[in-house]
């Protein structure tokens, strides 16, 4: 199906609220609908949400972590 939504969050609090909103909609079997009164409007029917794989991104790597991951990849080749 492809990406349903790709919101960008300015801080961890917004990200946590969004994740809890998704979890709540799944638990209550409700559509996911949200609007931030500026630019983000999301409406995902429950049927689509429950059939989707929800993937989140946390970009908390520093340069040392990047070097370690690249070294692992090189060793695997």
Protein backbone atom coordinates (compact mmCIF):
# COMPACT_ATOMS: atom_id res chain seq x y z
CA UNK A 1 0.00 0.00 0.00
CA UNK A 2 2.90 2.37 0.70
CA UNK A 3 3.28 5.09 3.31
CA UNK A 4 -0.03 6.34 4.69
CA UNK A 5 1.41 9.34 6.53
CA UNK A 6 4.85 10.75 7.24
CA UNK A 7 4.45 13.49 9.85
CA UNK A 8 7.45 15.43 11.13
CA UNK A 9 7.65 16.16 14.84
CA UNK A 10 9.60 18.98 16.45
CA UNK A 11 10.14 17.21 19.77
CA UNK A 12 9.75 13.89 21.59
CA UNK A 13 6.52 14.97 23.30
CA UNK A 14 4.70 15.40 19.98
CA UNK A 15 6.02 12.04 18.81
CA UNK A 16 4.84 10.27 21.98
CA UNK A 17 1.39 11.86 21.74
CA UNK A 18 1.08 10.69 18.14
CA UNK A 19 2.16 7.13 19.06
CA UNK A 20 -0.33 7.02 21.93
CA UNK A 21 -3.04 8.30 19.60
CA UNK A 22 -2.34 5.47 17.14
CA UNK A 23 -2.29 2.91 19.96
CA UNK A 24 -5.56 4.26 21.36
CA UNK A 25 -7.28 4.05 17.98
CA UNK A 26 -6.14 0.45 17.57
CA UNK A 27 -7.27 -0.49 21.09
CA UNK A 28 -10.68 1.21 20.75
CA UNK A 29 -11.16 0.12 17.12
CA UNK A 30 -11.67 3.73 15.98
CA UNK A 31 -10.54 5.70 12.93
CA UNK A 32 -7.40 7.78 13.42
CA UNK A 33 -8.36 11.40 12.81
CA UNK A 34 -6.31 14.40 13.86
CA UNK A 35 -5.81 18.01 12.81
CA UNK A 36 -3.30 20.45 14.29
CA UNK A 37 -5.07 23.60 12.98
CA UNK A 38 -2.04 24.54 10.87
CA UNK A 39 -0.84 22.02 8.34
CA UNK A 40 -1.37 18.42 9.43
CA UNK A 41 -4.70 16.69 8.80
CA UNK A 42 -4.79 12.92 9.07
CA UNK A 43 -7.75 10.60 8.67
CA UNK A 44 -7.02 6.88 8.46
CA UNK A 45 -9.96 4.47 8.68
CA UNK A 46 -9.62 1.75 11.32
CA UNK A 47 -9.66 -1.01 8.69
CA UNK A 48 -6.63 0.51 6.91
CA UNK A 49 -4.85 1.28 10.20
CA UNK A 50 -5.21 -2.25 11.56
CA UNK A 51 -3.94 -3.76 8.31
CA UNK A 52 -0.93 -1.45 8.20
CA UNK A 53 2.49 -1.83 9.69
CA UNK A 54 3.26 1.22 11.81
CA UNK A 55 6.96 2.13 11.63
CA UNK A 56 8.48 5.00 13.54
CA UNK A 57 11.86 6.66 13.15
CA UNK A 58 14.07 7.89 15.95
CA UNK A 59 17.25 9.54 14.77
CA UNK A 60 19.36 9.36 17.89
CA UNK A 61 22.63 8.13 16.42
CA UNK A 62 25.84 10.04 16.93
CA UNK A 63 28.92 9.82 14.72
CA UNK A 64 30.43 6.98 16.78
CA UNK A 65 27.28 4.88 16.30
CA UNK A 66 27.40 5.50 12.54
CA UNK A 67 31.03 4.35 12.35
CA UNK A 68 30.22 1.19 14.33
CA UNK A 69 27.27 0.33 12.08
CA UNK A 70 29.33 0.86 8.93
CA UNK A 71 32.09 -1.34 10.33
CA UNK A 72 29.53 -4.10 10.93
CA UNK A 73 28.31 -3.83 7.35
CA UNK A 74 31.83 -3.99 5.95
CA UNK A 75 32.64 -7.06 8.07
CA UNK A 76 29.49 -8.82 6.84
CA UNK A 77 30.48 -8.36 3.20
